């Protein structure tokens, strides 16, 4: 049974930093591309970042230069380092896993097979 468990969310002031983690079990982690999505109240879930199984990364324009995603295959864990947080970053953050790699639409929720339960990030102004 595949499980993705996020941790590290919380309340932070604007300009602050948080690091989220997502621990995976039940799958061969190194064979999966891992992404982060977020969903703010009243909005659709949106793509934030991806670390493909090949190690390449992509980010949403809204977080480029502020967020960094990384993975540790030995620990079956993916991370999202978030710096210079803004109130508009407030959302529930989800990690997601897909068997896809290389060229695929990494922003599409439908391309991800497994999802975590989410962790709340709140940025106060």
PDB file of N, CA and C in Angstrom:
ATOM      1  N   UNK A   1       0.848  -1.194   0.000  1.00  0.00           N
ATOM      2  CA  UNK A   1       0.000   0.000   0.000  1.00  0.00           C
ATOM      3  C   UNK A   1       0.883   1.243   0.000  1.00  0.00           C
ATOM      4  N   UNK A   2       0.654   2.106  -0.979  1.00  0.00           N
ATOM      5  CA  UNK A   2       1.460   3.319  -1.097  1.00  0.00           C
ATOM      6  C   UNK A   2       0.939   4.379  -0.136  1.00  0.00           C
ATOM      7  N   UNK A   3       1.863   5.006   0.566  1.00  0.00           N
ATOM      8  CA  UNK A   3       1.508   6.112   1.445  1.00  0.00           C
ATOM      9  C   UNK A   3       2.478   7.263   1.243  1.00  0.00           C
ATOM     10  N   UNK A   4       1.925   8.468   1.198  1.00  0.00           N
ATOM     11  CA  UNK A   4       2.715   9.692   1.159  1.00  0.00           C
ATOM     12  C   UNK A   4       2.283  10.524   2.361  1.00  0.00           C
ATOM     13  N   UNK A   5       3.226  10.899   3.194  1.00  0.00           N
ATOM     14  CA  UNK A   5       2.905  11.616   4.417  1.00  0.00           C
ATOM     15  C   UNK A   5       3.710  12.912   4.476  1.00  0.00           C
ATOM     16  N   UNK A   6       2.986  14.033   4.403  1.00  0.00           N
ATOM     17  CA  UNK A   6       3.637  15.351   4.461  1.00  0.00           C
ATOM     18  C   UNK A   6       3.804  15.792   5.905  1.00  0.00           C
ATOM     19  N   UNK A   7       4.789  16.625   6.120  1.00  0.00           N
ATOM     20  CA  UNK A   7       5.030  17.231   7.423  1.00  0.00           C
ATOM     21  C   UNK A   7       5.737  18.558   7.223  1.00  0.00           C
ATOM     22  N   UNK A   8       5.709  19.396   8.270  1.00  0.00           N
ATOM     23  CA  UNK A   8       6.480  20.631   8.246  1.00  0.00           C
ATOM     24  C   UNK A   8       5.680  21.900   8.050  1.00  0.00           C
ATOM     25  N   UNK A   9       4.388  21.771   7.849  1.00  0.00           N
ATOM     26  CA  UNK A   9       3.576  22.967   7.693  1.00  0.00           C
ATOM     27  C   UNK A   9       3.457  23.742   8.993  1.00  0.00           C
ATOM     28  N   UNK A  10       2.895  24.939   8.913  1.00  0.00           N
ATOM     29  CA  UNK A  10       2.724  25.746  10.108  1.00  0.00           C
ATOM     30  C   UNK A  10       2.413  27.183   9.780  1.00  0.00           C
ATOM     31  N   UNK A  11       2.512  28.012  10.802  1.00  0.00           N
ATOM     32  CA  UNK A  11       2.251  29.441  10.674  1.00  0.00           C
ATOM     33  C   UNK A  11       3.581  30.180  10.661  1.00  0.00           C
ATOM     34  N   UNK A  12       3.756  31.058   9.695  1.00  0.00           N
ATOM     35  CA  UNK A  12       4.997  31.818   9.568  1.00  0.00           C
ATOM     36  C   UNK A  12       4.672  33.234   9.105  1.00  0.00           C
ATOM     37  N   UNK A  13       5.506  34.170   9.487  1.00  0.00           N
ATOM     38  CA  UNK A  13       5.312  35.547   9.040  1.00  0.00           C
ATOM     39  C   UNK A  13       5.828  35.716   7.620  1.00  0.00           C
ATOM     40  N   UNK A  14       5.289  36.685   6.936  1.00  0.00           N
ATOM     41  CA  UNK A  14       5.753  36.998   5.586  1.00  0.00           C
ATOM     42  C   UNK A  14       7.253  37.256   5.609  1.00  0.00           C
ATOM     43  N   UNK A  15       7.931  36.723   4.625  1.00  0.00           N
ATOM     44  CA  UNK A  15       9.379  36.820   4.564  1.00  0.00           C
ATOM     45  C   UNK A  15      10.101  35.673   5.220  1.00  0.00           C
ATOM     46  N   UNK A  16       9.365  34.852   5.939  1.00  0.00           N
ATOM     47  CA  UNK A  16       9.959  33.724   6.638  1.00  0.00           C
ATOM     48  C   UNK A  16      10.134  32.505   5.750  1.00  0.00           C
ATOM     49  N   UNK A  17      10.578  31.420   6.371  1.00  0.00           N
ATOM     50  CA  UNK A  17      10.872  30.185   5.647  1.00  0.00           C
ATOM     51  C   UNK A  17      10.246  28.985   6.341  1.00  0.00           C
ATOM     52  N   UNK A  18       9.958  27.982   5.556  1.00  0.00           N
ATOM     53  CA  UNK A  18       9.497  26.685   6.042  1.00  0.00           C
ATOM     54  C   UNK A  18      10.051  25.619   5.113  1.00  0.00           C
ATOM     55  N   UNK A  19      10.261  24.434   5.674  1.00  0.00           N
ATOM     56  CA  UNK A  19      10.632  23.287   4.853  1.00  0.00           C
ATOM     57  C   UNK A  19       9.610  22.178   5.057  1.00  0.00           C
ATOM     58  N   UNK A  20       8.981  21.778   3.979  1.00  0.00           N
ATOM     59  CA  UNK A  20       8.042  20.663   4.017  1.00  0.00           C
ATOM     60  C   UNK A  20       8.779  19.384   3.628  1.00  0.00           C
ATOM     61  N   UNK A  21       8.317  18.277   4.159  1.00  0.00           N
ATOM     62  CA  UNK A  21       8.838  16.982   3.764  1.00  0.00           C
ATOM     63  C   UNK A  21       7.682  16.058   3.426  1.00  0.00           C
ATOM     64  N   UNK A  22       7.967  15.075   2.612  1.00  0.00           N
ATOM     65  CA  UNK A  22       6.974  14.083   2.226  1.00  0.00           C
ATOM     66  C   UNK A  22       7.662  12.728   2.210  1.00  0.00           C
ATOM     67  N   UNK A  23       7.287  11.879   3.145  1.00  0.00           N
ATOM     68  CA  UNK A  23       7.881  10.548   3.255  1.00  0.00           C
ATOM     69  C   UNK A  23       7.001   9.545   2.524  1.00  0.00           C
ATOM     70  N   UNK A  24       7.627   8.767   1.658  1.00  0.00           N
ATOM     71  CA  UNK A  24       6.889   7.794   0.855  1.00  0.00           C
ATOM     72  C   UNK A  24       7.188   6.376   1.326  1.00  0.00           C
ATOM     73  N   UNK A  25       6.185   5.534   1.223  1.00  0.00           N
ATOM     74  CA  UNK A  25       6.358   4.121   1.524  1.00  0.00           C
ATOM     75  C   UNK A  25       5.483   3.314   0.584  1.00  0.00           C
ATOM     76  N   UNK A  26       5.867   2.048   0.402  1.00  0.00           N
ATOM     77  CA  UNK A  26       5.066   1.170  -0.438  1.00  0.00           C
ATOM     78  C   UNK A  26       5.359   1.266  -1.914  1.00  0.00           C
ATOM     79  N   UNK A  27       6.414   1.997  -2.280  1.00  0.00           N
ATOM     80  CA  UNK A  27       6.782   2.096  -3.686  1.00  0.00           C
ATOM     81  C   UNK A  27       8.301   2.181  -3.800  1.00  0.00           C
ATOM     82  N   UNK A  28       8.807   1.917  -4.984  1.00  0.00           N
ATOM     83  CA  UNK A  28      10.236   2.065  -5.234  1.00  0.00           C
ATOM     84  C   UNK A  28      10.480   3.528  -5.548  1.00  0.00           C
ATOM     85  N   UNK A  29      10.841   4.266  -4.544  1.00  0.00           N
ATOM     86  CA  UNK A  29      10.822   5.725  -4.593  1.00  0.00           C
ATOM     87  C   UNK A  29      11.640   6.280  -5.752  1.00  0.00           C
ATOM     88  N   UNK A  30      12.787   5.708  -6.000  1.00  0.00           N
ATOM     89  CA  UNK A  30      13.677   6.246  -7.032  1.00  0.00           C
ATOM     90  C   UNK A  30      13.081   6.164  -8.432  1.00  0.00           C
ATOM     91  N   UNK A  31      12.055   5.357  -8.613  1.00  0.00           N
ATOM     92  CA  UNK A  31      11.416   5.196  -9.921  1.00  0.00           C
ATOM     93  C   UNK A  31      10.242   6.142 -10.129  1.00  0.00           C
ATOM     94  N   UNK A  32      10.011   7.004  -9.152  1.00  0.00           N
ATOM     95  CA  UNK A  32       8.845   7.879  -9.212  1.00  0.00           C
ATOM     96  C   UNK A  32       9.272   9.340  -9.236  1.00  0.00           C
ATOM     97  N   UNK A  33       8.597  10.106 -10.060  1.00  0.00           N
ATOM     98  CA  UNK A  33       8.731  11.554 -10.012  1.00  0.00           C
ATOM     99  C   UNK A  33       7.791  12.070  -8.924  1.00  0.00           C
ATOM    100  N   UNK A  34       8.271  13.064  -8.185  1.00  0.00           N
ATOM    101  CA  UNK A  34       7.507  13.574  -7.044  1.00  0.00           C
ATOM    102  C   UNK A  34       7.259  15.062  -7.218  1.00  0.00           C
ATOM    103  N   UNK A  35       6.031  15.468  -6.944  1.00  0.00           N
ATOM    104  CA  UNK A  35       5.656  16.863  -7.140  1.00  0.00           C
ATOM    105  C   UNK A  35       4.984  17.423  -5.898  1.00  0.00           C
ATOM    106  N   UNK A  36       4.920  18.723  -5.862  1.00  0.00           N
ATOM    107  CA  UNK A  36       4.178  19.460  -4.844  1.00  0.00           C
ATOM    108  C   UNK A  36       3.084  20.273  -5.533  1.00  0.00           C
ATOM    109  N   UNK A  37       1.897  20.209  -4.951  1.00  0.00           N
ATOM    110  CA  UNK A  37       0.774  21.031  -5.359  1.00  0.00           C
ATOM    111  C   UNK A  37       0.277  21.772  -4.124  1.00  0.00           C
ATOM    112  N   UNK A  38      -0.547  22.779  -4.363  1.00  0.00           N
ATOM    113  CA  UNK A  38      -1.157  23.468  -3.231  1.00  0.00           C
ATOM    114  C   UNK A  38      -2.578  23.895  -3.590  1.00  0.00           C
ATOM    115  N   UNK A  39      -3.378  24.044  -2.551  1.00  0.00           N
ATOM    116  CA  UNK A  39      -4.767  24.462  -2.752  1.00  0.00           C
ATOM    117  C   UNK A  39      -5.145  25.469  -1.687  1.00  0.00           C
ATOM    118  N   UNK A  40      -5.445  26.676  -2.144  1.00  0.00           N
ATOM    119  CA  UNK A  40      -5.901  27.732  -1.266  1.00  0.00           C
ATOM    120  C   UNK A  40      -7.427  27.664  -1.174  1.00  0.00           C
ATOM    121  N   UNK A  41      -8.002  28.218  -0.119  1.00  0.00           N
ATOM    122  CA  UNK A  41      -9.461  28.183   0.035  1.00  0.00           C
ATOM    123  C   UNK A  41     -10.167  28.788  -1.175  1.00  0.00           C
ATOM    124  N   UNK A  42     -11.128  28.064  -1.697  1.00  0.00           N
ATOM    125  CA  UNK A  42     -11.903  28.556  -2.815  1.00  0.00           C
ATOM    126  C   UNK A  42     -11.217  28.491  -4.166  1.00  0.00           C
ATOM    127  N   UNK A  43     -10.029  27.907  -4.194  1.00  0.00           N
ATOM    128  CA  UNK A  43      -9.280  27.830  -5.458  1.00  0.00           C
ATOM    129  C   UNK A  43      -8.995  26.379  -5.816  1.00  0.00           C
ATOM    130  N   UNK A  44      -8.640  26.181  -7.080  1.00  0.00           N
ATOM    131  CA  UNK A  44      -8.276  24.837  -7.516  1.00  0.00           C
ATOM    132  C   UNK A  44      -6.862  24.496  -7.051  1.00  0.00           C
ATOM    133  N   UNK A  45      -6.641  23.203  -6.945  1.00  0.00           N
ATOM    134  CA  UNK A  45      -5.303  22.739  -6.604  1.00  0.00           C
ATOM    135  C   UNK A  45      -4.361  23.054  -7.769  1.00  0.00           C
ATOM    136  N   UNK A  46      -3.202  23.645  -7.450  1.00  0.00           N
ATOM    137  CA  UNK A  46      -2.283  24.070  -8.485  1.00  0.00           C
ATOM    138  C   UNK A  46      -0.893  23.498  -8.277  1.00  0.00           C
ATOM    139  N   UNK A  47      -0.202  23.342  -9.383  1.00  0.00           N
ATOM    140  CA  UNK A  47       1.161  22.829  -9.365  1.00  0.00           C
ATOM    141  C   UNK A  47       2.109  23.837  -8.727  1.00  0.00           C
ATOM    142  N   UNK A  48       3.079  23.315  -7.964  1.00  0.00           N
ATOM    143  CA  UNK A  48       4.094  24.156  -7.340  1.00  0.00           C
ATOM    144  C   UNK A  48       5.497  23.781  -7.827  1.00  0.00           C
ATOM    145  N   UNK A  49       5.848  22.499  -7.715  1.00  0.00           N
ATOM    146  CA  UNK A  49       7.212  22.077  -8.048  1.00  0.00           C
ATOM    147  C   UNK A  49       7.226  20.587  -8.322  1.00  0.00           C
ATOM    148  N   UNK A  50       8.217  20.161  -9.095  1.00  0.00           N
ATOM    149  CA  UNK A  50       8.405  18.729  -9.361  1.00  0.00           C
ATOM    150  C   UNK A  50       9.892  18.402  -9.335  1.00  0.00           C
ATOM    151  N   UNK A  51      10.214  17.237  -8.792  1.00  0.00           N
ATOM    152  CA  UNK A  51      11.547  16.660  -8.909  1.00  0.00           C
ATOM    153  C   UNK A  51      11.347  15.317  -9.597  1.00  0.00           C
ATOM    154  N   UNK A  52      11.766  15.238 -10.850  1.00  0.00           N
ATOM    155  CA  UNK A  52      11.557  14.006 -11.588  1.00  0.00           C
ATOM    156  C   UNK A  52      12.503  12.921 -11.092  1.00  0.00           C
ATOM    157  N   UNK A  53      12.178  11.711 -11.478  1.00  0.00           N
ATOM    158  CA  UNK A  53      13.020  10.594 -11.048  1.00  0.00           C
ATOM    159  C   UNK A  53      14.421  10.708 -11.631  1.00  0.00           C
ATOM    160  N   UNK A  54      14.558  11.432 -12.737  1.00  0.00           N
ATOM    161  CA  UNK A  54      15.875  11.662 -13.315  1.00  0.00           C
ATOM    162  C   UNK A  54      16.646  12.740 -12.560  1.00  0.00           C
ATOM    163  N   UNK A  55      15.952  13.445 -11.656  1.00  0.00           N
ATOM    164  CA  UNK A  55      16.599  14.485 -10.866  1.00  0.00           C
ATOM    165  C   UNK A  55      16.350  15.896 -11.350  1.00  0.00           C
ATOM    166  N   UNK A  56      15.727  16.037 -12.523  1.00  0.00           N
ATOM    167  CA  UNK A  56      15.461  17.385 -13.028  1.00  0.00           C
ATOM    168  C   UNK A  56      14.285  18.005 -12.280  1.00  0.00           C
ATOM    169  N   UNK A  57      14.232  19.327 -12.296  1.00  0.00           N
ATOM    170  CA  UNK A  57      13.223  20.021 -11.513  1.00  0.00           C
ATOM    171  C   UNK A  57      12.543  21.093 -12.355  1.00  0.00           C
ATOM    172  N   UNK A  58      11.311  21.404 -11.982  1.00  0.00           N
ATOM    173  CA  UNK A  58      10.590  22.520 -12.559  1.00  0.00           C
ATOM    174  C   UNK A  58       9.730  23.157 -11.482  1.00  0.00           C
ATOM    175  N   UNK A  59       9.431  24.444 -11.678  1.00  0.00           N
ATOM    176  CA  UNK A  59       8.684  25.197 -10.687  1.00  0.00           C
ATOM    177  C   UNK A  59       7.606  26.035 -11.353  1.00  0.00           C
ATOM    178  N   UNK A  60       6.560  26.313 -10.598  1.00  0.00           N
ATOM    179  CA  UNK A  60       5.582  27.290 -11.046  1.00  0.00           C
ATOM    180  C   UNK A  60       6.242  28.666 -11.047  1.00  0.00           C
ATOM    181  N   UNK A  61       5.822  29.516 -11.964  1.00  0.00           N
ATOM    182  CA  UNK A  61       6.418  30.850 -12.058  1.00  0.00           C
ATOM    183  C   UNK A  61       6.273  31.619 -10.749  1.00  0.00           C
ATOM    184  N   UNK A  62       5.185  31.380 -10.049  1.00  0.00           N
ATOM    185  CA  UNK A  62       4.905  32.138  -8.831  1.00  0.00           C
ATOM    186  C   UNK A  62       5.874  31.824  -7.687  1.00  0.00           C
ATOM    187  N   UNK A  63       6.601  30.707  -7.786  1.00  0.00           N
ATOM    188  CA  UNK A  63       7.504  30.328  -6.698  1.00  0.00           C
ATOM    189  C   UNK A  63       8.962  30.263  -7.135  1.00  0.00           C
ATOM    190  N   UNK A  64       9.234  30.457  -8.412  1.00  0.00           N
ATOM    191  CA  UNK A  64      10.614  30.396  -8.897  1.00  0.00           C
ATOM    192  C   UNK A  64      11.486  31.387  -8.166  1.00  0.00           C
ATOM    193  N   UNK A  65      12.658  30.925  -7.774  1.00  0.00           N
ATOM    194  CA  UNK A  65      13.589  31.776  -7.053  1.00  0.00           C
ATOM    195  C   UNK A  65      13.347  31.819  -5.559  1.00  0.00           C
ATOM    196  N   UNK A  66      12.210  31.301  -5.107  1.00  0.00           N
ATOM    197  CA  UNK A  66      11.903  31.294  -3.673  1.00  0.00           C
ATOM    198  C   UNK A  66      11.802  29.876  -3.107  1.00  0.00           C
ATOM    199  N   UNK A  67      11.310  28.965  -3.898  1.00  0.00           N
ATOM    200  CA  UNK A  67      11.112  27.576  -3.449  1.00  0.00           C
ATOM    201  C   UNK A  67      12.135  26.669  -4.126  1.00  0.00           C
ATOM    202  N   UNK A  68      12.571  25.655  -3.398  1.00  0.00           N
ATOM    203  CA  UNK A  68      13.471  24.643  -3.940  1.00  0.00           C
ATOM    204  C   UNK A  68      12.990  23.269  -3.517  1.00  0.00           C
ATOM    205  N   UNK A  69      12.829  22.395  -4.500  1.00  0.00           N
ATOM    206  CA  UNK A  69      12.441  21.029  -4.193  1.00  0.00           C
ATOM    207  C   UNK A  69      13.628  20.101  -4.372  1.00  0.00           C
ATOM    208  N   UNK A  70      13.743  19.132  -3.500  1.00  0.00           N
ATOM    209  CA  UNK A  70      14.839  18.168  -3.573  1.00  0.00           C
ATOM    210  C   UNK A  70      14.335  16.813  -3.104  1.00  0.00           C
ATOM    211  N   UNK A  71      15.126  15.800  -3.359  1.00  0.00           N
ATOM    212  CA  UNK A  71      14.733  14.465  -2.931  1.00  0.00           C
ATOM    213  C   UNK A  71      15.937  13.717  -2.388  1.00  0.00           C
ATOM    214  N   UNK A  72      15.644  12.817  -1.477  1.00  0.00           N
ATOM    215  CA  UNK A  72      16.664  11.932  -0.910  1.00  0.00           C
ATOM    216  C   UNK A  72      16.147  10.512  -1.111  1.00  0.00           C
ATOM    217  N   UNK A  73      16.644   9.856  -2.133  1.00  0.00           N
ATOM    218  CA  UNK A  73      16.143   8.517  -2.459  1.00  0.00           C
ATOM    219  C   UNK A  73      16.472   7.501  -1.359  1.00  0.00           C
ATOM    220  N   UNK A  74      17.543   7.733  -0.629  1.00  0.00           N
ATOM    221  CA  UNK A  74      17.908   6.819   0.455  1.00  0.00           C
ATOM    222  C   UNK A  74      16.889   6.882   1.593  1.00  0.00           C
ATOM    223  N   UNK A  75      16.246   8.038   1.726  1.00  0.00           N
ATOM    224  CA  UNK A  75      15.267   8.220   2.801  1.00  0.00           C
ATOM    225  C   UNK A  75      13.836   8.176   2.287  1.00  0.00           C
ATOM    226  N   UNK A  76      13.663   7.939   0.974  1.00  0.00           N
ATOM    227  CA  UNK A  76      12.317   7.917   0.377  1.00  0.00           C
ATOM    228  C   UNK A  76      11.541   9.191   0.704  1.00  0.00           C
ATOM    229  N   UNK A  77      12.232  10.314   0.615  1.00  0.00           N
ATOM    230  CA  UNK A  77      11.629  11.570   1.032  1.00  0.00           C
ATOM    231  C   UNK A  77      11.894  12.668   0.012  1.00  0.00           C
ATOM    232  N   UNK A  78      10.882  13.490  -0.207  1.00  0.00           N
ATOM    233  CA  UNK A  78      11.015  14.678  -1.036  1.00  0.00           C
ATOM    234  C   UNK A  78      10.765  15.897  -0.148  1.00  0.00           C
ATOM    235  N   UNK A  79      11.471  16.984  -0.455  1.00  0.00           N
ATOM    236  CA  UNK A  79      11.411  18.186   0.363  1.00  0.00           C
ATOM    237  C   UNK A  79      10.991  19.387  -0.472  1.00  0.00           C
ATOM    238  N   UNK A  80      10.417  20.369   0.214  1.00  0.00           N
ATOM    239  CA  UNK A  80      10.129  21.645  -0.427  1.00  0.00           C
ATOM    240  C   UNK A  80      10.602  22.737   0.534  1.00  0.00           C
ATOM    241  N   UNK A  81      11.719  23.354   0.183  1.00  0.00           N
ATOM    242  CA  UNK A  81      12.251  24.469   0.956  1.00  0.00           C
ATOM    243  C   UNK A  81      11.593  25.741   0.437  1.00  0.00           C
ATOM    244  N   UNK A  82      10.916  26.454   1.325  1.00  0.00           N
ATOM    245  CA  UNK A  82      10.177  27.650   0.928  1.00  0.00           C
ATOM    246  C   UNK A  82      10.762  28.862   1.643  1.00  0.00           C
ATOM    247  N   UNK A  83      11.289  29.791   0.870  1.00  0.00           N
ATOM    248  CA  UNK A  83      11.883  31.012   1.415  1.00  0.00           C
ATOM    249  C   UNK A  83      11.085  32.225   0.981  1.00  0.00           C
ATOM    250  N   UNK A  84      11.286  33.321   1.693  1.00  0.00           N
ATOM    251  CA  UNK A  84      10.618  34.580   1.370  1.00  0.00           C
ATOM    252  C   UNK A  84       9.118  34.350   1.141  1.00  0.00           C
ATOM    253  N   UNK A  85       8.497  33.711   2.106  1.00  0.00           N
ATOM    254  CA  UNK A  85       7.083  33.358   1.955  1.00  0.00           C
ATOM    255  C   UNK A  85       6.212  34.600   1.941  1.00  0.00           C
ATOM    256  N   UNK A  86       5.132  34.520   1.177  1.00  0.00           N
ATOM    257  CA  UNK A  86       4.180  35.614   1.015  1.00  0.00           C
ATOM    258  C   UNK A  86       2.805  35.146   1.472  1.00  0.00           C
ATOM    259  N   UNK A  87       1.948  36.073   1.853  1.00  0.00           N
ATOM    260  CA  UNK A  87       0.587  35.675   2.267  1.00  0.00           C
ATOM    261  C   UNK A  87      -0.136  34.857   1.193  1.00  0.00           C
ATOM    262  N   UNK A  88       0.148  35.135  -0.061  1.00  0.00           N
ATOM    263  CA  UNK A  88      -0.507  34.384  -1.138  1.00  0.00           C
ATOM    264  C   UNK A  88       0.003  32.953  -1.271  1.00  0.00           C
ATOM    265  N   UNK A  89       1.016  32.587  -0.501  1.00  0.00           N
ATOM    266  CA  UNK A  89       1.475  31.199  -0.464  1.00  0.00           C
ATOM    267  C   UNK A  89       0.642  30.365   0.498  1.00  0.00           C
ATOM    268  N   UNK A  90      -0.234  31.000   1.243  1.00  0.00           N
ATOM    269  CA  UNK A  90      -1.088  30.289   2.187  1.00  0.00           C
ATOM    270  C   UNK A  90      -1.963  29.276   1.461  1.00  0.00           C
ATOM    271  N   UNK A  91      -1.867  28.020   1.883  1.00  0.00           N
ATOM    272  CA  UNK A  91      -2.596  26.941   1.214  1.00  0.00           C
ATOM    273  C   UNK A  91      -2.321  25.634   1.953  1.00  0.00           C
ATOM    274  N   UNK A  92      -3.073  24.614   1.572  1.00  0.00           N
ATOM    275  CA  UNK A  92      -2.721  23.250   1.961  1.00  0.00           C
ATOM    276  C   UNK A  92      -1.791  22.720   0.878  1.00  0.00           C
ATOM    277  N   UNK A  93      -0.652  22.216   1.293  1.00  0.00           N
ATOM    278  CA  UNK A  93       0.357  21.708   0.369  1.00  0.00           C
ATOM    279  C   UNK A  93       0.306  20.180   0.347  1.00  0.00           C
ATOM    280  N   UNK A  94       0.283  19.653  -0.870  1.00  0.00           N
ATOM    281  CA  UNK A  94       0.199  18.207  -1.076  1.00  0.00           C
ATOM    282  C   UNK A  94       1.406  17.720  -1.866  1.00  0.00           C
ATOM    283  N   UNK A  95       1.911  16.562  -1.503  1.00  0.00           N
ATOM    284  CA  UNK A  95       2.878  15.923  -2.386  1.00  0.00           C
ATOM    285  C   UNK A  95       2.148  14.847  -3.184  1.00  0.00           C
ATOM    286  N   UNK A  96       2.710  14.564  -4.345  1.00  0.00           N
ATOM    287  CA  UNK A  96       2.090  13.608  -5.257  1.00  0.00           C
ATOM    288  C   UNK A  96       3.173  12.846  -5.993  1.00  0.00           C
ATOM    289  N   UNK A  97       2.868  11.612  -6.350  1.00  0.00           N
ATOM    290  CA  UNK A  97       3.845  10.770  -7.031  1.00  0.00           C
ATOM    291  C   UNK A  97       3.301  10.230  -8.340  1.00  0.00           C
ATOM    292  N   UNK A  98       4.184  10.142  -9.318  1.00  0.00           N
ATOM    293  CA  UNK A  98       3.821   9.587 -10.606  1.00  0.00           C
ATOM    294  C   UNK A  98       4.940   8.716 -11.133  1.00  0.00           C
ATOM    295  N   UNK A  99       4.562   7.701 -11.896  1.00  0.00           N
ATOM    296  CA  UNK A  99       5.550   6.830 -12.515  1.00  0.00           C
ATOM    297  C   UNK A  99       6.161   7.502 -13.739  1.00  0.00           C
ATOM    298  N   UNK A 100       5.514   8.576 -14.231  1.00  0.00           N
ATOM    299  CA  UNK A 100       6.019   9.290 -15.370  1.00  0.00           C
ATOM    300  C   UNK A 100       7.358   9.951 -15.070  1.00  0.00           C
ATOM    301  N   UNK A 101       8.168  10.067 -16.088  1.00  0.00           N
ATOM    302  CA  UNK A 101       9.416  10.806 -16.010  1.00  0.00           C
ATOM    303  C   UNK A 101       9.657  11.468 -17.343  1.00  0.00           C
ATOM    304  N   UNK A 102      10.798  12.136 -17.456  1.00  0.00           N
ATOM    305  CA  UNK A 102      11.109  12.773 -18.729  1.00  0.00           C
ATOM    306  C   UNK A 102      10.088  13.833 -19.093  1.00  0.00           C
ATOM    307  N   UNK A 103       9.628  13.759 -20.340  1.00  0.00           N
ATOM    308  CA  UNK A 103       8.706  14.782 -20.828  1.00  0.00           C
ATOM    309  C   UNK A 103       7.264  14.314 -20.597  1.00  0.00           C
ATOM    310  N   UNK A 104       6.579  14.982 -19.713  1.00  0.00           N
ATOM    311  CA  UNK A 104       5.160  14.765 -19.487  1.00  0.00           C
ATOM    312  C   UNK A 104       4.616  16.052 -18.903  1.00  0.00           C
ATOM    313  N   UNK A 105       3.309  16.176 -18.887  1.00  0.00           N
ATOM    314  CA  UNK A 105       2.694  17.381 -18.351  1.00  0.00           C
ATOM    315  C   UNK A 105       2.715  17.295 -16.831  1.00  0.00           C
ATOM    316  N   UNK A 106       3.784  17.805 -16.238  1.00  0.00           N
ATOM    317  CA  UNK A 106       3.983  17.669 -14.796  1.00  0.00           C
ATOM    318  C   UNK A 106       3.068  18.585 -13.994  1.00  0.00           C
ATOM    319  N   UNK A 107       2.373  19.493 -14.673  1.00  0.00           N
ATOM    320  CA  UNK A 107       1.459  20.380 -13.947  1.00  0.00           C
ATOM    321  C   UNK A 107       0.061  19.799 -13.820  1.00  0.00           C
ATOM    322  N   UNK A 108      -0.207  18.701 -14.527  1.00  0.00           N
ATOM    323  CA  UNK A 108      -1.560  18.138 -14.562  1.00  0.00           C
ATOM    324  C   UNK A 108      -1.776  17.178 -13.412  1.00  0.00           C
ATOM    325  N   UNK A 109      -2.788  17.471 -12.593  1.00  0.00           N
ATOM    326  CA  UNK A 109      -3.076  16.611 -11.448  1.00  0.00           C
ATOM    327  C   UNK A 109      -3.378  15.178 -11.874  1.00  0.00           C
ATOM    328  N   UNK A 110      -3.998  15.032 -13.024  1.00  0.00           N
ATOM    329  CA  UNK A 110      -4.419  13.704 -13.494  1.00  0.00           C
ATOM    330  C   UNK A 110      -3.230  12.779 -13.760  1.00  0.00           C
ATOM    331  N   UNK A 111      -2.045  13.336 -13.920  1.00  0.00           N
ATOM    332  CA  UNK A 111      -0.869  12.509 -14.203  1.00  0.00           C
ATOM    333  C   UNK A 111      -0.224  11.938 -12.953  1.00  0.00           C
ATOM    334  N   UNK A 112      -0.794  12.211 -11.798  1.00  0.00           N
ATOM    335  CA  UNK A 112      -0.218  11.723 -10.543  1.00  0.00           C
ATOM    336  C   UNK A 112      -1.101  10.629  -9.949  1.00  0.00           C
ATOM    337  N   UNK A 113      -0.447   9.537  -9.569  1.00  0.00           N
ATOM    338  CA  UNK A 113      -1.168   8.360  -9.128  1.00  0.00           C
ATOM    339  C   UNK A 113      -1.481   8.386  -7.631  1.00  0.00           C
ATOM    340  N   UNK A 114      -0.583   8.981  -6.871  1.00  0.00           N
ATOM    341  CA  UNK A 114      -0.746   8.939  -5.421  1.00  0.00           C
ATOM    342  C   UNK A 114      -0.584  10.335  -4.825  1.00  0.00           C
ATOM    343  N   UNK A 115      -1.346  10.577  -3.755  1.00  0.00           N
ATOM    344  CA  UNK A 115      -1.365  11.881  -3.091  1.00  0.00           C
ATOM    345  C   UNK A 115      -1.249  11.709  -1.585  1.00  0.00           C
ATOM    346  N   UNK A 116      -0.606  12.683  -0.957  1.00  0.00           N
ATOM    347  CA  UNK A 116      -0.598  12.738   0.489  1.00  0.00           C
ATOM    348  C   UNK A 116      -1.853  13.419   1.001  1.00  0.00           C
ATOM    349  N   UNK A 117      -1.944  13.527   2.310  1.00  0.00           N
ATOM    350  CA  UNK A 117      -3.139  14.091   2.935  1.00  0.00           C
ATOM    351  C   UNK A 117      -3.070  15.607   3.034  1.00  0.00           C
ATOM    352  N   UNK A 118      -1.896  16.161   2.824  1.00  0.00           N
ATOM    353  CA  UNK A 118      -1.740  17.617   2.843  1.00  0.00           C
ATOM    354  C   UNK A 118      -1.263  18.155   4.179  1.00  0.00           C
ATOM    355  N   UNK A 119      -0.592  19.291   4.116  1.00  0.00           N
ATOM    356  CA  UNK A 119      -0.156  19.990   5.317  1.00  0.00           C
ATOM    357  C   UNK A 119      -0.413  21.481   5.128  1.00  0.00           C
ATOM    358  N   UNK A 120      -0.951  22.120   6.153  1.00  0.00           N
ATOM    359  CA  UNK A 120      -1.360  23.524   6.055  1.00  0.00           C
ATOM    360  C   UNK A 120      -0.162  24.444   6.225  1.00  0.00           C
ATOM    361  N   UNK A 121      -0.044  25.392   5.325  1.00  0.00           N
ATOM    362  CA  UNK A 121       0.940  26.473   5.444  1.00  0.00           C
ATOM    363  C   UNK A 121       0.170  27.787   5.479  1.00  0.00           C
ATOM    364  N   UNK A 122       0.390  28.562   6.519  1.00  0.00           N
ATOM    365  CA  UNK A 122      -0.274  29.846   6.667  1.00  0.00           C
ATOM    366  C   UNK A 122       0.782  30.928   6.826  1.00  0.00           C
ATOM    367  N   UNK A 123       0.716  31.929   5.962  1.00  0.00           N
ATOM    368  CA  UNK A 123       1.680  33.028   5.988  1.00  0.00           C
ATOM    369  C   UNK A 123       0.939  34.297   6.378  1.00  0.00           C
ATOM    370  N   UNK A 124       1.333  34.870   7.491  1.00  0.00           N
ATOM    371  CA  UNK A 124       0.678  36.093   7.967  1.00  0.00           C
ATOM    372  C   UNK A 124       1.419  37.322   7.457  1.00  0.00           C
ATOM    373  N   UNK A 125       0.664  38.375   7.249  1.00  0.00           N
ATOM    374  CA  UNK A 125       1.257  39.621   6.718  1.00  0.00           C
ATOM    375  C   UNK A 125       1.714  40.531   7.841  1.00  0.00           C
TER     376      UNK A 125
END
